[in-house]
Amino acid sequence: MSIVKYFNHGFQRDIGKLQFSEVPQVLKDILNDKDLIQFGGKNWTRAADDLKDIDIELRPMFVLCLFALVATDQCMQTYFKQYYAEWRAQTAYPKFGWTRFGLYNENPLKLLSVPEQLQQIDADKTCALMREFMGFYRTLVADYCHLHEPELSVDLFFSKLLQDDIFSVGEGQVVAAFKQAAPALIQGRTLDRSSSEGYLLAA
């Protein structure tokens, strides 16, 4: 099965199997997001519970698709605030993180590193999907921008994402494979990783 086919016909069902936790109403009001829910916990401590009902053969595609959505959400929130309300209205996907006195985003690369550490995914199979995933991810963002935010440059979006400080995370074979393949997300550009302007995990 291709990643595109899985995303269109299996992922939406599987994302509903995550172990969600409610966000306090006061935070929903502050963020103006009445349907906001979250999963994961700090350092994705609930990873095993989140993945237990996902077919083990589909988990590599599941974590890659989940990464794409979480990373896109956090990148929009951090660097493209003028488009974020529309993005949330169109998607309303759960937040990856936890709440205490506020809502804290967890590093999306932990969606790739933690399952490998816990042996919840086959790292070799996940890495083998990486080239296909890059094509899928770029197309996913490009299609969204074309339909909803045509003035948003896809290359600028991925430049901001790939220069963010989330990439200080370096644990595991899958994260390394992602970092190696990630420049393909930007067509015809060379990244200057020294020019990071922000941090996706900031609330």
C-alpha atoms as a PDB file:
ATOM      1  CA  MET A   1       0.000   0.000   0.000  1.00  0.00           C
ATOM      2  CA  SER A   2       1.275   3.476  -0.833  1.00  0.00           C
ATOM      3  CA  ILE A   3       1.425   6.240   1.774  1.00  0.00           C
ATOM      4  CA  VAL A   4      -1.091   8.272  -0.231  1.00  0.00           C
ATOM      5  CA  LYS A   5      -3.568   5.382  -0.282  1.00  0.00           C
ATOM      6  CA  TYR A   6      -3.081   4.764   3.426  1.00  0.00           C
ATOM      7  CA  PHE A   7      -3.530   8.459   4.263  1.00  0.00           C
ATOM      8  CA  ASN A   8      -6.736   8.659   2.253  1.00  0.00           C
ATOM      9  CA  HIS A   9      -8.269   5.351   3.305  1.00  0.00           C
ATOM     10  CA  GLY A  10      -6.768   4.228   6.628  1.00  0.00           C
ATOM     11  CA  PHE A  11      -5.068   7.024   8.506  1.00  0.00           C
ATOM     12  CA  GLN A  12      -8.218   8.959   9.410  1.00  0.00           C
ATOM     13  CA  ARG A  13      -9.578   5.813  11.078  1.00  0.00           C
ATOM     14  CA  ASP A  14      -6.300   5.060  12.836  1.00  0.00           C
ATOM     15  CA  ILE A  15      -5.802   8.551  14.220  1.00  0.00           C
ATOM     16  CA  GLY A  16      -9.063   8.053  16.098  1.00  0.00           C
ATOM     17  CA  LYS A  17      -7.400   5.191  18.006  1.00  0.00           C
ATOM     18  CA  LEU A  18      -4.997   7.519  19.823  1.00  0.00           C
ATOM     19  CA  GLN A  19      -5.474   7.938  23.558  1.00  0.00           C
ATOM     20  CA  PHE A  20      -6.782  11.502  23.735  1.00  0.00           C
ATOM     21  CA  SER A  21      -6.937  13.706  26.797  1.00  0.00           C
ATOM     22  CA  GLU A  22      -9.128  16.734  27.261  1.00  0.00           C
ATOM     23  CA  VAL A  23      -7.744  20.263  27.197  1.00  0.00           C
ATOM     24  CA  PRO A  24      -9.097  22.478  30.016  1.00  0.00           C
ATOM     25  CA  GLN A  25     -11.909  24.755  28.860  1.00  0.00           C
ATOM     26  CA  VAL A  26     -10.005  27.873  29.918  1.00  0.00           C
ATOM     27  CA  LEU A  27      -7.233  26.997  27.435  1.00  0.00           C
ATOM     28  CA  LYS A  28      -9.774  26.287  24.692  1.00  0.00           C
ATOM     29  CA  ASP A  29     -11.215  29.736  25.337  1.00  0.00           C
ATOM     30  CA  ILE A  30      -7.809  31.435  25.320  1.00  0.00           C
ATOM     31  CA  LEU A  31      -6.833  29.677  22.097  1.00  0.00           C
ATOM     32  CA  ASN A  32     -10.301  30.120  20.594  1.00  0.00           C
ATOM     33  CA  ASP A  33     -10.374  26.426  19.677  1.00  0.00           C
ATOM     34  CA  LYS A  34     -13.493  24.791  21.112  1.00  0.00           C
ATOM     35  CA  ASP A  35     -12.707  21.322  19.706  1.00  0.00           C
ATOM     36  CA  LEU A  36      -9.083  21.191  20.885  1.00  0.00           C
ATOM     37  CA  ILE A  37      -7.860  17.812  22.146  1.00  0.00           C
ATOM     38  CA  GLN A  38      -4.373  16.442  22.747  1.00  0.00           C
ATOM     39  CA  PHE A  39      -2.449  13.193  22.856  1.00  0.00           C
ATOM     40  CA  GLY A  40       0.989  11.940  23.760  1.00  0.00           C
ATOM     41  CA  GLY A  41       2.134  13.600  26.946  1.00  0.00           C
ATOM     42  CA  LYS A  42       5.594  14.985  27.643  1.00  0.00           C
ATOM     43  CA  ASN A  43       8.254  13.015  25.724  1.00  0.00           C
ATOM     44  CA  TRP A  44       5.378  10.920  24.312  1.00  0.00           C
ATOM     45  CA  THR A  45       5.179   8.875  27.489  1.00  0.00           C
ATOM     46  CA  ARG A  46       1.933   7.327  26.253  1.00  0.00           C
ATOM     47  CA  ALA A  47       3.383   6.105  22.956  1.00  0.00           C
ATOM     48  CA  ALA A  48       2.834   2.412  23.623  1.00  0.00           C
ATOM     49  CA  ASP A  49      -0.822   3.010  24.511  1.00  0.00           C
ATOM     50  CA  ASP A  50      -1.284   5.269  21.488  1.00  0.00           C
ATOM     51  CA  LEU A  51       0.120   2.694  19.082  1.00  0.00           C
ATOM     52  CA  LYS A  52      -1.246  -0.537  20.557  1.00  0.00           C
ATOM     53  CA  ASP A  53      -4.368  -0.557  18.374  1.00  0.00           C
ATOM     54  CA  ILE A  54      -2.543   0.378  15.156  1.00  0.00           C
ATOM     55  CA  ASP A  55      -1.779  -2.579  12.880  1.00  0.00           C
ATOM     56  CA  ILE A  56       1.933  -3.230  13.342  1.00  0.00           C
ATOM     57  CA  GLU A  57       2.441  -3.419   9.568  1.00  0.00           C
ATOM     58  CA  LEU A  58       0.854   0.023   9.141  1.00  0.00           C
ATOM     59  CA  ARG A  59       2.667   1.736  12.016  1.00  0.00           C
ATOM     60  CA  PRO A  60       5.568   3.032   9.896  1.00  0.00           C
ATOM     61  CA  MET A  61       3.119   4.869   7.629  1.00  0.00           C
ATOM     62  CA  PHE A  62       1.016   5.935  10.611  1.00  0.00           C
ATOM     63  CA  VAL A  63       3.876   7.637  12.473  1.00  0.00           C
ATOM     64  CA  LEU A  64       5.084   9.338   9.286  1.00  0.00           C
ATOM     65  CA  CYS A  65       1.626  10.701   8.485  1.00  0.00           C
ATOM     66  CA  LEU A  66       1.155  11.755  12.103  1.00  0.00           C
ATOM     67  CA  PHE A  67       4.500  13.542  12.010  1.00  0.00           C
ATOM     68  CA  ALA A  68       3.460  15.388   8.826  1.00  0.00           C
ATOM     69  CA  LEU A  69       0.281  16.713  10.420  1.00  0.00           C
ATOM     70  CA  VAL A  70       1.808  17.631  13.782  1.00  0.00           C
ATOM     71  CA  ALA A  71       4.857  19.320  12.223  1.00  0.00           C
ATOM     72  CA  THR A  72       2.656  21.248   9.792  1.00  0.00           C
ATOM     73  CA  ASP A  73       0.351  22.394  12.583  1.00  0.00           C
ATOM     74  CA  GLN A  74       3.240  23.606  14.731  1.00  0.00           C
ATOM     75  CA  CYS A  75       4.992  25.288  11.803  1.00  0.00           C
ATOM     76  CA  MET A  76       1.813  27.139  10.827  1.00  0.00           C
ATOM     77  CA  GLN A  77       1.284  28.217  14.435  1.00  0.00           C
ATOM     78  CA  THR A  78       4.840  29.494  14.825  1.00  0.00           C
ATOM     79  CA  TYR A  79       5.766  31.033  11.472  1.00  0.00           C
ATOM     80  CA  PHE A  80       2.512  31.636   9.591  1.00  0.00           C
ATOM     81  CA  LYS A  81       0.153  32.937  12.238  1.00  0.00           C
ATOM     82  CA  GLN A  82      -1.967  34.778   9.681  1.00  0.00           C
ATOM     83  CA  TYR A  83      -2.989  31.411   8.192  1.00  0.00           C
ATOM     84  CA  TYR A  84      -3.267  29.412  11.385  1.00  0.00           C
ATOM     85  CA  ALA A  85      -6.937  30.005  12.213  1.00  0.00           C
ATOM     86  CA  GLU A  86      -7.936  28.797   8.743  1.00  0.00           C
ATOM     87  CA  TRP A  87      -5.649  25.769   9.056  1.00  0.00           C
ATOM     88  CA  ARG A  88      -7.226  24.807  12.387  1.00  0.00           C
ATOM     89  CA  ALA A  89     -10.724  25.325  11.011  1.00  0.00           C
ATOM     90  CA  GLN A  90      -9.936  23.045   8.057  1.00  0.00           C
ATOM     91  CA  THR A  91      -8.133  20.298   9.982  1.00  0.00           C
ATOM     92  CA  ALA A  92      -8.822  20.339  13.765  1.00  0.00           C
ATOM     93  CA  TYR A  93      -6.274  17.558  14.265  1.00  0.00           C
ATOM     94  CA  PRO A  94      -5.261  16.783  17.871  1.00  0.00           C
ATOM     95  CA  LYS A  95      -2.298  18.531  19.430  1.00  0.00           C
ATOM     96  CA  PHE A  96       0.803  16.511  20.306  1.00  0.00           C
ATOM     97  CA  GLY A  97       1.804  17.557  23.805  1.00  0.00           C
ATOM     98  CA  TRP A  98       0.499  18.100  27.282  1.00  0.00           C
ATOM     99  CA  THR A  99      -1.131  20.693  29.518  1.00  0.00           C
ATOM    100  CA  ARG A 100      -0.144  22.033  32.871  1.00  0.00           C
ATOM    101  CA  PHE A 101      -0.520  25.788  33.303  1.00  0.00           C
ATOM    102  CA  GLY A 102      -0.700  26.090  29.540  1.00  0.00           C
ATOM    103  CA  LEU A 103      -0.666  23.989  26.376  1.00  0.00           C
ATOM    104  CA  TYR A 104       2.802  22.683  25.546  1.00  0.00           C
ATOM    105  CA  ASN A 105       3.687  21.340  22.129  1.00  0.00           C
ATOM    106  CA  GLU A 106       5.997  18.328  22.105  1.00  0.00           C
ATOM    107  CA  ASN A 107       8.779  18.023  19.538  1.00  0.00           C
ATOM    108  CA  PRO A 108       7.226  16.339  16.454  1.00  0.00           C
ATOM    109  CA  LEU A 109      10.440  14.428  15.745  1.00  0.00           C
ATOM    110  CA  LYS A 110       9.676  12.377  18.838  1.00  0.00           C
ATOM    111  CA  LEU A 111       6.873  10.833  16.783  1.00  0.00           C
ATOM    112  CA  LEU A 112       9.694   9.201  14.826  1.00  0.00           C
ATOM    113  CA  SER A 113      12.242   8.590  17.574  1.00  0.00           C
ATOM    114  CA  VAL A 114      10.144   7.282  20.488  1.00  0.00           C
ATOM    115  CA  PRO A 115       8.425   4.393  18.626  1.00  0.00           C
ATOM    116  CA  GLU A 116      11.847   3.228  17.435  1.00  0.00           C
ATOM    117  CA  GLN A 117      13.262   3.380  20.973  1.00  0.00           C
ATOM    118  CA  LEU A 118      10.313   1.368  22.281  1.00  0.00           C
ATOM    119  CA  GLN A 119      10.514  -1.094  19.372  1.00  0.00           C
ATOM    120  CA  GLN A 120       6.956  -0.211  18.418  1.00  0.00           C
ATOM    121  CA  ILE A 121       7.897   0.174  14.744  1.00  0.00           C
ATOM    122  CA  ASP A 122      10.278  -1.552  12.374  1.00  0.00           C
ATOM    123  CA  ALA A 123      12.963   1.100  11.900  1.00  0.00           C
ATOM    124  CA  ASP A 124      14.291  -0.388   8.648  1.00  0.00           C
ATOM    125  CA  LYS A 125      10.831  -0.466   7.066  1.00  0.00           C
ATOM    126  CA  THR A 126      10.146   3.082   8.215  1.00  0.00           C
ATOM    127  CA  CYS A 127      13.421   4.337   6.774  1.00  0.00           C
ATOM    128  CA  ALA A 128      12.692   2.561   3.495  1.00  0.00           C
ATOM    129  CA  LEU A 129       9.544   4.690   3.155  1.00  0.00           C
ATOM    130  CA  MET A 130      11.350   7.988   3.598  1.00  0.00           C
ATOM    131  CA  ARG A 131      11.804   8.943  -0.054  1.00  0.00           C
ATOM    132  CA  GLU A 132       8.150   8.186  -0.800  1.00  0.00           C
ATOM    133  CA  PHE A 133       7.167  10.114   2.312  1.00  0.00           C
ATOM    134  CA  MET A 134       8.992  13.256   1.160  1.00  0.00           C
ATOM    135  CA  GLY A 135       6.999  13.307  -2.075  1.00  0.00           C
ATOM    136  CA  PHE A 136       3.780  12.694  -0.173  1.00  0.00           C
ATOM    137  CA  TYR A 137       4.501  15.397   2.421  1.00  0.00           C
ATOM    138  CA  ARG A 138       5.394  18.075  -0.107  1.00  0.00           C
ATOM    139  CA  THR A 139       2.279  17.296  -2.135  1.00  0.00           C
ATOM    140  CA  LEU A 140       0.123  17.351   1.000  1.00  0.00           C
ATOM    141  CA  VAL A 141       1.258  20.868   1.912  1.00  0.00           C
ATOM    142  CA  ALA A 142       1.227  22.070  -1.710  1.00  0.00           C
ATOM    143  CA  ASP A 143      -2.351  20.873  -2.182  1.00  0.00           C
ATOM    144  CA  TYR A 144      -3.473  22.548   1.030  1.00  0.00           C
ATOM    145  CA  CYS A 145      -1.837  25.841   0.036  1.00  0.00           C
ATOM    146  CA  HIS A 146      -3.316  25.668  -3.466  1.00  0.00           C
ATOM    147  CA  LEU A 147      -6.831  25.161  -2.095  1.00  0.00           C
ATOM    148  CA  HIS A 148      -6.768  27.424   0.950  1.00  0.00           C
ATOM    149  CA  GLU A 149      -3.682  29.688   1.051  1.00  0.00           C
ATOM    150  CA  PRO A 150      -2.433  30.239  -2.535  1.00  0.00           C
ATOM    151  CA  GLU A 151      -0.206  33.142  -1.460  1.00  0.00           C
ATOM    152  CA  LEU A 152       1.782  30.883   0.892  1.00  0.00           C
ATOM    153  CA  SER A 153       4.995  29.603  -0.689  1.00  0.00           C
ATOM    154  CA  VAL A 154       5.509  25.881  -0.161  1.00  0.00           C
ATOM    155  CA  ASP A 155       9.288  26.307  -0.325  1.00  0.00           C
ATOM    156  CA  LEU A 156       9.145  29.042   2.312  1.00  0.00           C
ATOM    157  CA  PHE A 157       6.999  26.807   4.514  1.00  0.00           C
ATOM    158  CA  PHE A 158       9.471  23.935   4.385  1.00  0.00           C
ATOM    159  CA  SER A 159      12.458  26.279   4.746  1.00  0.00           C
ATOM    160  CA  LYS A 160      11.025  27.497   8.062  1.00  0.00           C
ATOM    161  CA  LEU A 161      10.238  23.962   9.188  1.00  0.00           C
ATOM    162  CA  LEU A 162      13.643  22.509   8.380  1.00  0.00           C
ATOM    163  CA  GLN A 163      15.549  25.397   9.956  1.00  0.00           C
ATOM    164  CA  ASP A 164      13.661  25.193  13.243  1.00  0.00           C
ATOM    165  CA  ASP A 165      15.318  24.160  16.489  1.00  0.00           C
ATOM    166  CA  ILE A 166      13.213  20.995  16.688  1.00  0.00           C
ATOM    167  CA  PHE A 167      15.973  19.475  14.570  1.00  0.00           C
ATOM    168  CA  SER A 168      18.294  19.436  17.563  1.00  0.00           C
ATOM    169  CA  VAL A 169      16.649  16.088  18.336  1.00  0.00           C
ATOM    170  CA  GLY A 170      18.872  13.392  16.910  1.00  0.00           C
ATOM    171  CA  GLU A 171      17.932  10.081  18.438  1.00  0.00           C
ATOM    172  CA  GLY A 172      17.632   7.038  16.274  1.00  0.00           C
ATOM    173  CA  GLN A 173      17.869   5.644  12.794  1.00  0.00           C
ATOM    174  CA  VAL A 174      14.481   6.971  11.630  1.00  0.00           C
ATOM    175  CA  VAL A 175      15.187  10.587  12.615  1.00  0.00           C
ATOM    176  CA  ALA A 176      18.573  10.371  10.894  1.00  0.00           C
ATOM    177  CA  ALA A 177      16.917   9.061   7.715  1.00  0.00           C
ATOM    178  CA  PHE A 178      14.353  11.850   7.843  1.00  0.00           C
ATOM    179  CA  LYS A 179      17.017  14.534   8.226  1.00  0.00           C
ATOM    180  CA  GLN A 180      19.019  13.095   5.343  1.00  0.00           C
ATOM    181  CA  ALA A 181      16.019  13.062   3.005  1.00  0.00           C
ATOM    182  CA  ALA A 182      14.355  16.290   4.194  1.00  0.00           C
ATOM    183  CA  PRO A 183      16.109  18.749   1.823  1.00  0.00           C
ATOM    184  CA  ALA A 184      14.050  17.162  -0.971  1.00  0.00           C
ATOM    185  CA  LEU A 185      11.042  18.958   0.530  1.00  0.00           C
ATOM    186  CA  ILE A 186      12.450  22.211  -0.829  1.00  0.00           C
ATOM    187  CA  GLN A 187      12.760  22.402  -4.596  1.00  0.00           C
ATOM    188  CA  GLY A 188      15.901  24.050  -5.894  1.00  0.00           C
ATOM    189  CA  ARG A 189      17.038  25.567  -2.626  1.00  0.00           C
ATOM    190  CA  THR A 190      19.989  25.086  -0.307  1.00  0.00           C
ATOM    191  CA  LEU A 191      19.189  25.340   3.368  1.00  0.00           C
ATOM    192  CA  ASP A 192      21.119  27.643   5.659  1.00  0.00           C
ATOM    193  CA  ARG A 193      20.533  25.872   8.951  1.00  0.00           C
ATOM    194  CA  SER A 194      22.233  28.649  10.908  1.00  0.00           C
ATOM    195  CA  SER A 195      19.381  31.111  10.305  1.00  0.00           C
ATOM    196  CA  SER A 196      16.747  29.605  12.591  1.00  0.00           C
ATOM    197  CA  GLU A 197      14.271  32.320  13.595  1.00  0.00           C
ATOM    198  CA  GLY A 198      12.137  30.474  16.102  1.00  0.00           C
ATOM    199  CA  TYR A 199      11.121  27.322  17.855  1.00  0.00           C
ATOM    200  CA  LEU A 200       8.005  25.361  17.005  1.00  0.00           C
ATOM    201  CA  LEU A 201       7.549  24.154  20.547  1.00  0.00           C
ATOM    202  CA  ALA A 202       6.912  27.643  21.865  1.00  0.00           C
ATOM    203  CA  ALA A 203       3.284  28.102  22.806  1.00  0.00           C
END
